Amino acid sequence: MLRALVAVTLAAILAPAPAGAQGSPAGTWHTINDVDGRPRGIITLRVTDGVLTGTIAGTLVQGEPPGKVCDKCTDERRGRPLMGMEILRGLRWDGDAWTGGEILDPDTGRTYRATIRLSDDGRALSLRGYIGISLLGRTQRWIRAP
C-alpha cells in the first residue's frame, strides 16, 4: 500500500506539466476586444532566443482603412504603418507565464507592462497589460488562429 502511494506521488511530481504551462505561444492569434468582445486584429507571435515578440499581421475589423499609421505613438514607431509593427516586446518565460516585457496599444500610443498566460490546451491566451502593478490593468483574451 505504501509503495503504491509513493509510486503515485512520484508519478504526479515527475509528470510533465500541462501543454499550456510549457507550450509555446508562437503562431498567429486573433485578438478579442475586451470592451465589446469582437475580434479585432491578427497578431503573429515569435519566440527568438527565449524572447517573445508580437507583430500586427492584419485586421479583423470590416471597413478599417488600409495603411493606418501609429500617429499617437511616442517612440520610434510614431508615423509608421500598423501593419507589420512590433507591438509586443521583451517577454520571457519565468516558469509560470511570459513576463517582463511590454505591449503597445496602437489606438492610444501608450505602452504597458505585459504578462501572457497560455491556456492548458494552447488554443487561447490571456494578455494582461498594466501600469505599475498587475492589479492596475486589463486583460484581453486572444484565440489561436485556425
Protein backbone atom coordinates (compact mmCIF):
# COMPACT_ATOMS: atom_id res chain seq x y z
CA MET A 1 0.00 0.00 0.00
CA LEU A 2 2.76 2.42 0.96
CA ARG A 3 4.73 1.55 -2.19
CA ALA A 4 1.67 2.28 -4.34
CA LEU A 5 1.18 5.64 -2.64
CA VAL A 6 4.86 6.55 -3.13
CA ALA A 7 4.70 5.46 -6.78
CA VAL A 8 1.58 7.57 -7.45
CA THR A 9 3.10 10.58 -5.68
CA LEU A 10 6.35 10.30 -7.66
CA ALA A 11 4.44 9.92 -10.91
CA ALA A 12 2.47 13.08 -10.16
CA ILE A 13 5.61 15.04 -9.30
CA LEU A 14 7.58 13.83 -12.33
CA ALA A 15 4.72 14.06 -14.84
CA PRO A 16 5.08 16.76 -17.47
CA ALA A 17 3.18 19.98 -16.92
CA PRO A 18 0.04 20.63 -18.96
CA ALA A 19 0.63 21.77 -22.53
CA GLY A 20 -0.36 25.36 -21.74
CA ALA A 21 2.18 25.64 -18.98
CA GLN A 22 5.10 24.74 -21.22
CA GLY A 23 3.65 25.11 -24.72
CA SER A 24 4.78 27.87 -26.98
CA PRO A 25 2.54 30.82 -27.80
CA ALA A 26 4.36 31.17 -31.14
CA GLY A 27 1.94 31.39 -34.04
CA THR A 28 -0.92 33.51 -35.29
CA TRP A 29 -3.57 34.86 -32.93
CA HIS A 30 -6.86 36.74 -33.20
CA THR A 31 -7.20 39.48 -30.61
CA ILE A 32 -10.58 39.93 -28.97
CA ASN A 33 -11.63 43.42 -27.91
CA ASP A 34 -12.07 43.39 -24.13
CA VAL A 35 -14.76 46.09 -24.33
CA ASP A 36 -17.21 44.65 -26.89
CA GLY A 37 -15.96 41.05 -27.26
CA ARG A 38 -15.48 41.31 -31.03
CA PRO A 39 -12.47 40.04 -32.98
CA ARG A 40 -10.09 42.95 -33.57
CA GLY A 41 -6.71 42.07 -35.04
CA ILE A 42 -4.33 39.39 -36.19
CA ILE A 43 -1.03 39.15 -34.33
CA THR A 44 1.95 36.92 -35.09
CA LEU A 45 3.91 35.84 -32.01
CA ARG A 46 7.50 34.61 -32.25
CA VAL A 47 9.97 33.27 -29.71
CA THR A 48 13.58 34.04 -30.59
CA ASP A 49 16.40 33.24 -28.18
CA GLY A 50 13.85 32.89 -25.37
CA VAL A 51 12.24 36.29 -26.02
CA LEU A 52 8.60 36.58 -27.09
CA THR A 53 7.65 39.33 -29.57
CA GLY A 54 4.47 40.07 -31.48
CA THR A 55 3.71 41.96 -34.68
CA ILE A 56 0.48 43.11 -36.28
CA ALA A 57 -0.30 40.82 -39.22
CA GLY A 58 -3.77 42.07 -40.14
CA THR A 59 -7.13 43.38 -39.06
CA LEU A 60 -10.45 41.65 -38.45
CA VAL A 61 -12.42 44.91 -38.42
CA GLN A 62 -14.55 45.30 -41.54
CA GLY A 63 -14.04 48.61 -43.30
CA GLU A 64 -10.89 49.54 -41.41
CA PRO A 65 -8.83 51.61 -43.84
CA PRO A 66 -5.58 50.06 -45.06
CA GLY A 67 -2.32 51.89 -44.48
CA LYS A 68 -3.15 53.19 -41.00
CA VAL A 69 -0.15 54.56 -39.12
CA CYS A 70 0.54 54.93 -35.42
CA ASP A 71 0.07 58.68 -35.15
CA LYS A 72 -0.26 58.53 -31.34
CA CYS A 73 2.92 56.51 -30.69
CA THR A 74 5.57 58.39 -28.74
CA ASP A 75 8.61 56.28 -29.66
CA GLU A 76 10.32 55.21 -32.89
CA ARG A 77 7.02 53.70 -34.11
CA ARG A 78 5.38 57.13 -34.50
CA GLY A 79 4.11 57.61 -38.04
CA ARG A 80 4.92 54.05 -39.08
CA PRO A 81 2.34 51.67 -40.60
CA LEU A 82 0.48 49.48 -38.15
CA MET A 83 0.78 46.50 -40.50
CA GLY A 84 3.97 44.68 -39.54
CA MET A 85 4.51 46.83 -36.43
CA GLU A 86 6.02 45.14 -33.38
CA ILE A 87 3.58 45.78 -30.53
CA LEU A 88 4.75 43.13 -28.07
CA ARG A 89 8.37 43.17 -26.90
CA GLY A 90 10.74 41.55 -24.46
CA LEU A 91 8.65 38.89 -22.69
CA ARG A 92 10.50 35.92 -21.22
CA TRP A 93 9.24 32.66 -19.77
CA ASP A 94 9.50 32.74 -15.96
CA GLY A 95 8.22 29.20 -15.28
CA ASP A 96 4.62 30.32 -14.88
CA ALA A 97 3.97 32.94 -17.57
CA TRP A 98 5.63 35.16 -20.17
CA THR A 99 6.57 38.34 -18.30
CA GLY A 100 8.94 41.30 -18.18
CA GLY A 101 8.03 42.88 -21.48
CA GLU A 102 5.65 45.48 -22.80
CA ILE A 103 2.74 45.88 -25.17
CA LEU A 104 1.81 48.90 -27.26
CA ASP A 105 -1.83 49.93 -27.62
CA PRO A 106 -1.72 51.43 -31.13
CA ASP A 107 -5.10 53.13 -30.59
CA THR A 108 -3.70 55.31 -27.79
CA GLY A 109 0.05 55.13 -28.40
CA ARG A 110 0.60 54.05 -24.78
CA THR A 111 2.80 51.16 -23.71
CA TYR A 112 2.04 48.89 -20.79
CA ARG A 113 3.88 46.16 -18.93
CA ALA A 114 2.61 42.79 -20.08
CA THR A 115 2.09 39.22 -18.90
CA ILE A 116 0.88 36.36 -21.07
CA ARG A 117 -0.54 33.07 -19.88
CA LEU A 118 -1.33 30.30 -22.33
CA SER A 119 -4.40 28.12 -21.73
CA ASP A 120 -3.80 24.46 -20.92
CA ASP A 121 -4.99 23.39 -24.36
CA GLY A 122 -2.88 26.06 -26.12
CA ARG A 123 -5.84 27.46 -28.03
CA ALA A 124 -6.23 30.72 -26.08
CA LEU A 125 -4.10 33.10 -24.12
CA SER A 126 -4.72 35.84 -21.61
CA LEU A 127 -2.70 39.00 -22.05
CA ARG A 128 -2.62 41.33 -19.06
CA GLY A 129 -1.49 44.89 -19.77
CA TYR A 130 -0.85 47.12 -16.77
CA ILE A 131 0.91 50.12 -15.31
CA GLY A 132 2.95 49.55 -12.16
CA ILE A 133 1.27 46.51 -10.65
CA SER A 134 -0.85 43.91 -12.38
CA LEU A 135 -3.96 44.92 -10.39
CA LEU A 136 -3.97 48.23 -12.28
CA GLY A 137 -4.62 46.89 -15.74
CA ARG A 138 -6.88 44.99 -18.05
CA THR A 139 -6.89 41.56 -19.62
CA GLN A 140 -7.54 40.57 -23.21
CA ARG A 141 -8.24 37.07 -24.43
CA TRP A 142 -6.65 36.02 -27.71
CA ILE A 143 -7.69 32.97 -29.72
CA ARG A 144 -5.22 30.94 -31.77
CA ALA A 145 -5.99 31.40 -35.48
CA PRO A 146 -7.16 28.32 -37.37
